[in-house]
Protein backbone atom coordinates (compact mmCIF):
# COMPACT_ATOMS: atom_id res chain seq x y z
CA MET A 1 -17.66 -28.14 3.21
CA SER A 2 -15.76 -24.86 2.95
CA GLN A 3 -12.06 -24.77 2.17
CA PRO A 4 -9.44 -22.14 2.89
CA PRO A 5 -8.79 -19.73 0.00
CA ASP A 6 -6.12 -20.77 -2.48
CA PRO A 7 -3.20 -18.37 -1.84
CA ARG A 8 -1.84 -18.96 -5.36
CA ARG A 9 -4.80 -17.24 -7.02
CA ALA A 10 -4.26 -13.60 -7.95
CA SER A 11 -7.73 -12.74 -6.71
CA ASN A 12 -6.62 -13.69 -3.19
CA LEU A 13 -3.65 -11.31 -3.09
CA TRP A 14 -5.41 -9.08 -0.57
CA LEU A 15 -5.79 -12.08 1.77
CA LYS A 16 -2.07 -12.80 1.52
CA LEU A 17 -1.19 -9.19 2.22
CA ARG A 18 -3.54 -9.04 5.20
CA SER A 19 -1.99 -12.25 6.52
CA LEU A 20 1.45 -10.65 6.17
CA PHE A 21 0.70 -7.09 7.37
CA GLY A 22 -2.51 -7.53 9.36
CA THR A 23 -5.65 -5.48 8.77
CA SER A 24 -3.80 -2.18 8.91
CA ALA A 25 -3.32 0.40 6.19
CA ARG A 26 0.01 -1.25 5.26
CA ALA A 27 -1.78 -4.15 3.58
CA GLU A 28 -3.97 -1.74 1.62
CA ILE A 29 -0.94 0.37 0.64
CA MET A 30 0.87 -2.66 -0.74
CA LEU A 31 -2.27 -3.92 -2.48
CA HIS A 32 -2.72 -0.57 -4.21
CA LEU A 33 0.93 -0.22 -5.24
CA LEU A 34 1.09 -3.77 -6.57
CA THR A 35 -2.19 -3.66 -8.47
CA ALA A 36 -2.80 -0.02 -9.43
CA GLY A 37 0.71 1.40 -9.44
CA PRO A 38 1.96 4.78 -8.21
CA ALA A 39 -0.41 6.87 -6.11
CA THR A 40 -0.58 9.64 -3.57
CA ALA A 41 -1.50 8.91 0.03
CA GLY A 42 -4.87 10.55 -0.63
CA GLU A 43 -5.59 8.32 -3.61
CA ILE A 44 -4.75 5.20 -1.62
CA ALA A 45 -6.89 6.45 1.27
CA ARG A 46 -9.91 7.07 -0.98
CA ARG A 47 -9.62 3.64 -2.56
CA SER A 48 -9.09 1.76 0.69
CA GLY A 49 -11.46 3.63 3.00
CA PHE A 50 -8.68 4.65 5.41
CA THR A 51 -8.07 8.30 6.27
CA ALA A 52 -5.24 10.08 4.44
CA ARG A 53 -3.30 10.35 7.71
CA SER A 54 -3.72 6.61 8.37
CA VAL A 55 -2.09 5.97 5.00
CA LEU A 56 0.51 8.74 5.06
CA LEU A 57 2.20 7.75 8.33
CA PRO A 58 2.88 4.10 7.40
CA LEU A 59 3.77 5.19 3.87
CA ARG A 60 6.49 7.46 5.29
CA GLU A 61 7.78 4.61 7.45
CA MET A 62 7.74 2.19 4.52
CA ALA A 63 9.66 4.73 2.41
CA LEU A 64 12.52 4.51 4.91
CA ALA A 65 13.06 0.91 3.77
CA GLU A 66 13.77 2.36 0.30
CA LEU A 67 11.34 -0.03 -1.38
CA PHE A 68 9.59 2.95 -2.92
CA GLN A 69 10.74 6.05 -4.70
CA ARG A 70 9.06 9.34 -4.00
CA ASP A 71 8.84 12.38 -6.19
CA LYS A 72 11.92 14.39 -5.21
CA SER A 73 10.25 17.71 -6.02
CA VAL A 74 7.83 17.33 -3.12
CA ILE A 75 8.83 17.85 0.50
CA LEU A 76 8.37 14.90 2.83
CA LYS A 77 5.27 16.21 4.55
CA HIS A 78 3.59 16.28 1.14
CA ILE A 79 4.65 12.91 -0.22
CA LYS A 80 3.45 12.82 -3.81
CA ARG A 81 3.99 9.55 -5.62
CA PHE A 82 5.38 6.16 -4.68
CA GLU A 83 6.50 3.52 -7.16
CA PRO A 84 7.81 0.02 -6.43
CA ARG A 85 11.54 -0.18 -7.09
CA GLN A 86 12.61 -2.02 -10.20
């Protein structure tokens, strides 16, 4: 008999994030930032299979919550790096 995945296991983090954010790019963005660290929208897109634009738009919106820091030397339309706040 199958059982639901154990949400306490680190290997199931992506399931937790998809439960929280749905199957959108937001879940993949958070997964990447939490597991691989800072990245550009393009890097996250390549790793997740989403287009760069599908990652960039929610990334900009998420940056408004000030949970991430972006490289100040880059203008907003070319967001460079995001890092989780300490």
